[in-house]
Each structure stands twice: as C-alpha cells, then as structure tokens.
C-alpha cells in the first residue's frame, strides 16, 4: 500500500468532488477551490492523502481560526478532517493528524480542533481524545455563539465542541 500525503493541487479537485458525490456527501468543488486560494495566500494548508493513487481523504489547517477563542490566542485549527469510509482504520488519518500537528508545532505550542456532536462524528470524537485533545471548557458552540442552558438549537454540522492539545 503506497500512501502519499501532500499539499492540495488544482488537479486533485475533480477526483475529490467525484469521490464525495459517489457517497452522497455534499462537498462542492467551490469549497476546494477556496481552500486552494487560501493556501496560496498562506491562510490555510490543505493536505490530501492518496492510497495507490486513489484519493483517500484530507484535512486542512486554518492558520487563523474562525473560532474566536482560538483566533484570540493564535491557535491554528485543524478543520475539515475527512477520510473516505473505505480508507478508515488503515493509519491514514493518523498520518494526516501527525503531519498537521507537526506543521502547527512549528508556529504554536497548541493545536485546536472542533468536532460535531452527532453520532456521525463518534469516531472523530474518540480519535481526538485518544490523541490527547481535551475540551476547551467553553461548552458546545453553534453557528456564532455558545449554547445556553435550555436553548433550542438545530443539531447540524455547526454544533460543535472544541478541543486543544499541547504539542511537544
């Protein structure tokens, strides 16, 4: 098994969108075009993984997080970490996370990450805890604010809990 992880290139976008379309996941081409543009502006790094030449997954590092507590403390955030189901439990996610943490450690002693609250994110929730990430203690965040006691929110991809990890 030949695993290659590298920065996103324009030619990667069509196979990425095709792979997600085949799974019925809404990941439009314009998202990856934005990531590529932000990468060229040094706002984000997008790392793609290929196994034997086939797209397997990716993650990005947002060097200036949109999550205010991270942004105020200059904590880079790992964002949009996704592996295609057939490539899970093969060590590829670990390699992507190791690379992201290594890159972040060059500029920050702390890495940040957010995770959704639905069962779809269960594997990610466990992975982050096993890797040493701990909740930031601020509670669940939805869209642009922290969820308050008895507040009604929509359970969607915007409902997240944020974690940090001290890097060595």
C-alpha atoms as a PDB file:
ATOM      1  CA  UNK A   1       0.000   0.000   0.000  1.00  0.00           C
ATOM      2  CA  UNK A   2       1.533   3.284  -1.158  1.00  0.00           C
ATOM      3  CA  UNK A   3       0.306   6.268   0.903  1.00  0.00           C
ATOM      4  CA  UNK A   4       1.119   9.749  -0.362  1.00  0.00           C
ATOM      5  CA  UNK A   5       0.216  12.876   1.607  1.00  0.00           C
ATOM      6  CA  UNK A   6       0.903  16.290   0.134  1.00  0.00           C
ATOM      7  CA  UNK A   7      -0.490  19.780  -0.257  1.00  0.00           C
ATOM      8  CA  UNK A   8      -3.629  20.190  -2.349  1.00  0.00           C
ATOM      9  CA  UNK A   9      -3.147  20.889  -6.067  1.00  0.00           C
ATOM     10  CA  UNK A  10      -5.739  22.047  -8.614  1.00  0.00           C
ATOM     11  CA  UNK A  11      -5.744  18.656 -10.334  1.00  0.00           C
ATOM     12  CA  UNK A  12      -6.862  16.984  -7.088  1.00  0.00           C
ATOM     13  CA  UNK A  13     -10.200  18.778  -7.005  1.00  0.00           C
ATOM     14  CA  UNK A  14     -12.142  16.737  -9.617  1.00  0.00           C
ATOM     15  CA  UNK A  15     -11.348  13.338  -8.056  1.00  0.00           C
ATOM     16  CA  UNK A  16     -12.142  14.716  -4.598  1.00  0.00           C
ATOM     17  CA  UNK A  17     -15.564  16.039  -5.566  1.00  0.00           C
ATOM     18  CA  UNK A  18     -16.303  12.866  -7.536  1.00  0.00           C
ATOM     19  CA  UNK A  19     -15.434  10.660  -4.542  1.00  0.00           C
ATOM     20  CA  UNK A  20     -17.735  12.606  -2.233  1.00  0.00           C
ATOM     21  CA  UNK A  21     -20.533  12.764  -4.825  1.00  0.00           C
ATOM     22  CA  UNK A  22     -20.419   8.979  -5.093  1.00  0.00           C
ATOM     23  CA  UNK A  23     -21.017   8.777  -1.329  1.00  0.00           C
ATOM     24  CA  UNK A  24     -23.848  11.312  -1.473  1.00  0.00           C
ATOM     25  CA  UNK A  25     -21.864  13.810   0.620  1.00  0.00           C
ATOM     26  CA  UNK A  26     -22.255  17.457  -0.328  1.00  0.00           C
ATOM     27  CA  UNK A  27     -18.681  18.700  -0.791  1.00  0.00           C
ATOM     28  CA  UNK A  28     -18.831  21.130  -3.731  1.00  0.00           C
ATOM     29  CA  UNK A  29     -15.877  21.845  -5.978  1.00  0.00           C
ATOM     30  CA  UNK A  30     -16.005  25.524  -4.982  1.00  0.00           C
ATOM     31  CA  UNK A  31     -15.011  24.532  -1.415  1.00  0.00           C
ATOM     32  CA  UNK A  32     -11.745  23.023  -2.621  1.00  0.00           C
ATOM     33  CA  UNK A  33     -11.130  25.913  -4.979  1.00  0.00           C
ATOM     34  CA  UNK A  34     -11.460  28.211  -1.949  1.00  0.00           C
ATOM     35  CA  UNK A  35      -9.066  26.026   0.030  1.00  0.00           C
ATOM     36  CA  UNK A  36      -6.562  26.209  -2.831  1.00  0.00           C
ATOM     37  CA  UNK A  37      -6.881  30.009  -2.999  1.00  0.00           C
ATOM     38  CA  UNK A  38      -6.497  30.321   0.800  1.00  0.00           C
ATOM     39  CA  UNK A  39      -3.471  28.026   0.603  1.00  0.00           C
ATOM     40  CA  UNK A  40      -1.871  30.328  -1.982  1.00  0.00           C
ATOM     41  CA  UNK A  41      -2.490  33.256   0.413  1.00  0.00           C
ATOM     42  CA  UNK A  42      -0.918  31.329   3.353  1.00  0.00           C
ATOM     43  CA  UNK A  43      -4.239  31.395   5.247  1.00  0.00           C
ATOM     44  CA  UNK A  44      -4.705  27.619   5.157  1.00  0.00           C
ATOM     45  CA  UNK A  45      -2.828  24.461   4.288  1.00  0.00           C
ATOM     46  CA  UNK A  46      -4.847  21.638   2.742  1.00  0.00           C
ATOM     47  CA  UNK A  47      -3.261  18.192   2.857  1.00  0.00           C
ATOM     48  CA  UNK A  48      -4.613  15.410   0.657  1.00  0.00           C
ATOM     49  CA  UNK A  49      -3.989  11.695   1.070  1.00  0.00           C
ATOM     50  CA  UNK A  50      -3.838   9.160  -1.748  1.00  0.00           C
ATOM     51  CA  UNK A  51      -3.563   5.385  -1.450  1.00  0.00           C
ATOM     52  CA  UNK A  52      -2.113   3.676  -4.508  1.00  0.00           C
ATOM     53  CA  UNK A  53      -3.012   6.791  -6.492  1.00  0.00           C
ATOM     54  CA  UNK A  54      -6.644   6.901  -5.304  1.00  0.00           C
ATOM     55  CA  UNK A  55      -7.947   9.865  -3.293  1.00  0.00           C
ATOM     56  CA  UNK A  56      -8.471   8.752   0.321  1.00  0.00           C
ATOM     57  CA  UNK A  57      -9.098  11.897   2.369  1.00  0.00           C
ATOM     58  CA  UNK A  58      -7.814  15.235   3.534  1.00  0.00           C
ATOM     59  CA  UNK A  59      -7.580  17.775   6.299  1.00  0.00           C
ATOM     60  CA  UNK A  60      -6.818  21.456   6.432  1.00  0.00           C
ATOM     61  CA  UNK A  61      -5.044  23.727   8.872  1.00  0.00           C
ATOM     62  CA  UNK A  62      -6.587  27.147   9.278  1.00  0.00           C
ATOM     63  CA  UNK A  63      -3.718  29.336  10.422  1.00  0.00           C
ATOM     64  CA  UNK A  64      -6.156  31.971  11.725  1.00  0.00           C
ATOM     65  CA  UNK A  65      -9.162  30.127  13.103  1.00  0.00           C
ATOM     66  CA  UNK A  66     -12.695  31.439  12.657  1.00  0.00           C
ATOM     67  CA  UNK A  67     -13.420  30.146  16.184  1.00  0.00           C
ATOM     68  CA  UNK A  68     -12.862  33.264  18.281  1.00  0.00           C
ATOM     69  CA  UNK A  69     -11.164  31.711  21.361  1.00  0.00           C
ATOM     70  CA  UNK A  70      -8.572  30.071  19.084  1.00  0.00           C
ATOM     71  CA  UNK A  71      -8.142  33.191  16.972  1.00  0.00           C
ATOM     72  CA  UNK A  72      -7.574  35.393  20.053  1.00  0.00           C
ATOM     73  CA  UNK A  73      -4.871  33.012  21.317  1.00  0.00           C
ATOM     74  CA  UNK A  74      -3.303  32.444  17.857  1.00  0.00           C
ATOM     75  CA  UNK A  75      -4.119  28.733  17.963  1.00  0.00           C
ATOM     76  CA  UNK A  76      -4.128  27.188  14.479  1.00  0.00           C
ATOM     77  CA  UNK A  77      -7.132  24.931  13.926  1.00  0.00           C
ATOM     78  CA  UNK A  78      -7.349  21.578  12.169  1.00  0.00           C
ATOM     79  CA  UNK A  79     -10.501  21.860  10.072  1.00  0.00           C
ATOM     80  CA  UNK A  80     -12.482  19.558   7.793  1.00  0.00           C
ATOM     81  CA  UNK A  81     -10.676  16.288   8.519  1.00  0.00           C
ATOM     82  CA  UNK A  82     -12.313  13.600   6.383  1.00  0.00           C
ATOM     83  CA  UNK A  83     -11.356  10.098   5.304  1.00  0.00           C
ATOM     84  CA  UNK A  84     -13.435   8.154   2.835  1.00  0.00           C
ATOM     85  CA  UNK A  85     -15.031   5.187   4.652  1.00  0.00           C
ATOM     86  CA  UNK A  86     -13.117   2.532   2.699  1.00  0.00           C
ATOM     87  CA  UNK A  87      -9.798   4.061   3.813  1.00  0.00           C
ATOM     88  CA  UNK A  88     -10.538   4.245   7.533  1.00  0.00           C
ATOM     89  CA  UNK A  89      -8.659   2.174  10.120  1.00  0.00           C
ATOM     90  CA  UNK A  90      -5.599   1.937   7.874  1.00  0.00           C
ATOM     91  CA  UNK A  91      -3.422   4.533   9.651  1.00  0.00           C
ATOM     92  CA  UNK A  92      -4.035   7.250   7.066  1.00  0.00           C
ATOM     93  CA  UNK A  93      -5.903   9.507   9.483  1.00  0.00           C
ATOM     94  CA  UNK A  94      -3.084   9.134  11.980  1.00  0.00           C
ATOM     95  CA  UNK A  95      -0.559  10.150   9.318  1.00  0.00           C
ATOM     96  CA  UNK A  96      -2.653  13.210   8.377  1.00  0.00           C
ATOM     97  CA  UNK A  97      -3.017  14.255  12.020  1.00  0.00           C
ATOM     98  CA  UNK A  98       0.699  13.666  12.728  1.00  0.00           C
ATOM     99  CA  UNK A  99       1.598  15.890   9.784  1.00  0.00           C
ATOM    100  CA  UNK A 100      -0.860  18.618  10.815  1.00  0.00           C
ATOM    101  CA  UNK A 101       0.377  18.647  14.396  1.00  0.00           C
ATOM    102  CA  UNK A 102       3.991  18.731  13.211  1.00  0.00           C
ATOM    103  CA  UNK A 103       3.291  21.733  10.974  1.00  0.00           C
ATOM    104  CA  UNK A 104       1.350  23.550  13.711  1.00  0.00           C
ATOM    105  CA  UNK A 105       4.142  22.884  16.253  1.00  0.00           C
ATOM    106  CA  UNK A 106       6.471  24.972  14.084  1.00  0.00           C
ATOM    107  CA  UNK A 107       4.444  28.104  14.920  1.00  0.00           C
ATOM    108  CA  UNK A 108       2.338  27.306  18.008  1.00  0.00           C
ATOM    109  CA  UNK A 109       2.648  25.196  21.164  1.00  0.00           C
ATOM    110  CA  UNK A 110      -1.084  24.373  20.904  1.00  0.00           C
ATOM    111  CA  UNK A 111      -3.322  22.896  18.197  1.00  0.00           C
ATOM    112  CA  UNK A 112      -7.087  23.320  18.104  1.00  0.00           C
ATOM    113  CA  UNK A 113      -9.850  21.240  16.575  1.00  0.00           C
ATOM    114  CA  UNK A 114     -13.650  21.209  16.610  1.00  0.00           C
ATOM    115  CA  UNK A 115     -15.884  18.173  16.317  1.00  0.00           C
ATOM    116  CA  UNK A 116     -19.573  17.724  15.584  1.00  0.00           C
ATOM    117  CA  UNK A 117     -21.980  16.349  18.150  1.00  0.00           C
ATOM    118  CA  UNK A 118     -23.931  13.770  16.117  1.00  0.00           C
ATOM    119  CA  UNK A 119     -23.128  10.034  16.027  1.00  0.00           C
ATOM    120  CA  UNK A 120     -21.556  10.568  12.588  1.00  0.00           C
ATOM    121  CA  UNK A 121     -18.669  12.240  14.437  1.00  0.00           C
ATOM    122  CA  UNK A 122     -18.266   9.499  17.063  1.00  0.00           C
ATOM    123  CA  UNK A 123     -15.064   8.058  15.582  1.00  0.00           C
ATOM    124  CA  UNK A 124     -13.535  11.547  15.361  1.00  0.00           C
ATOM    125  CA  UNK A 125     -14.548  12.339  18.948  1.00  0.00           C
ATOM    126  CA  UNK A 126     -12.775   9.205  20.176  1.00  0.00           C
ATOM    127  CA  UNK A 127      -9.740   9.774  17.951  1.00  0.00           C
ATOM    128  CA  UNK A 128      -9.171  13.309  19.239  1.00  0.00           C
ATOM    129  CA  UNK A 129      -9.378  12.228  22.893  1.00  0.00           C
ATOM    130  CA  UNK A 130      -7.004   9.314  22.260  1.00  0.00           C
ATOM    131  CA  UNK A 131      -4.566  11.745  20.618  1.00  0.00           C
ATOM    132  CA  UNK A 132      -4.544  13.930  23.740  1.00  0.00           C
ATOM    133  CA  UNK A 133      -7.035  16.640  22.792  1.00  0.00           C
ATOM    134  CA  UNK A 134      -9.110  17.979  25.674  1.00  0.00           C
ATOM    135  CA  UNK A 135     -12.262  20.107  25.531  1.00  0.00           C
ATOM    136  CA  UNK A 136     -11.578  23.826  25.817  1.00  0.00           C
ATOM    137  CA  UNK A 137     -14.148  24.008  28.643  1.00  0.00           C
ATOM    138  CA  UNK A 138     -16.391  26.545  26.932  1.00  0.00           C
ATOM    139  CA  UNK A 139     -19.201  24.134  26.059  1.00  0.00           C
ATOM    140  CA  UNK A 140     -20.971  23.487  22.800  1.00  0.00           C
ATOM    141  CA  UNK A 141     -20.768  26.157  20.125  1.00  0.00           C
ATOM    142  CA  UNK A 142     -23.424  26.658  17.467  1.00  0.00           C
ATOM    143  CA  UNK A 143     -23.034  28.985  14.487  1.00  0.00           C
ATOM    144  CA  UNK A 144     -21.782  32.156  16.223  1.00  0.00           C
ATOM    145  CA  UNK A 145     -22.337  31.561  19.955  1.00  0.00           C
ATOM    146  CA  UNK A 146     -22.124  29.129  22.854  1.00  0.00           C
ATOM    147  CA  UNK A 147     -25.240  27.136  23.547  1.00  0.00           C
ATOM    148  CA  UNK A 148     -27.008  28.341  26.680  1.00  0.00           C
ATOM    149  CA  UNK A 149     -28.905  26.192  29.163  1.00  0.00           C
ATOM    150  CA  UNK A 150     -32.364  25.338  27.733  1.00  0.00           C
ATOM    151  CA  UNK A 151     -31.615  26.999  24.409  1.00  0.00           C
ATOM    152  CA  UNK A 152     -33.145  25.332  21.363  1.00  0.00           C
ATOM    153  CA  UNK A 153     -30.627  24.691  18.600  1.00  0.00           C
ATOM    154  CA  UNK A 154     -30.643  22.720  15.395  1.00  0.00           C
ATOM    155  CA  UNK A 155     -28.486  19.625  15.587  1.00  0.00           C
ATOM    156  CA  UNK A 156     -26.363  20.026  12.470  1.00  0.00           C
ATOM    157  CA  UNK A 157     -22.722  20.298  11.383  1.00  0.00           C
ATOM    158  CA  UNK A 158     -22.486  23.735  13.022  1.00  0.00           C
ATOM    159  CA  UNK A 159     -22.991  22.333  16.528  1.00  0.00           C
ATOM    160  CA  UNK A 160     -19.506  21.528  17.801  1.00  0.00           C
ATOM    161  CA  UNK A 161     -17.312  21.058  20.811  1.00  0.00           C
ATOM    162  CA  UNK A 162     -13.801  22.490  20.553  1.00  0.00           C
ATOM    163  CA  UNK A 163     -10.625  20.842  21.812  1.00  0.00           C
ATOM    164  CA  UNK A 164      -6.980  21.803  22.224  1.00  0.00           C
ATOM    165  CA  UNK A 165      -3.780  19.820  22.503  1.00  0.00           C
ATOM    166  CA  UNK A 166      -0.426  20.926  23.838  1.00  0.00           C
ATOM    167  CA  UNK A 167       2.198  19.964  21.300  1.00  0.00           C
ATOM    168  CA  UNK A 168       5.732  18.869  22.139  1.00  0.00           C
END
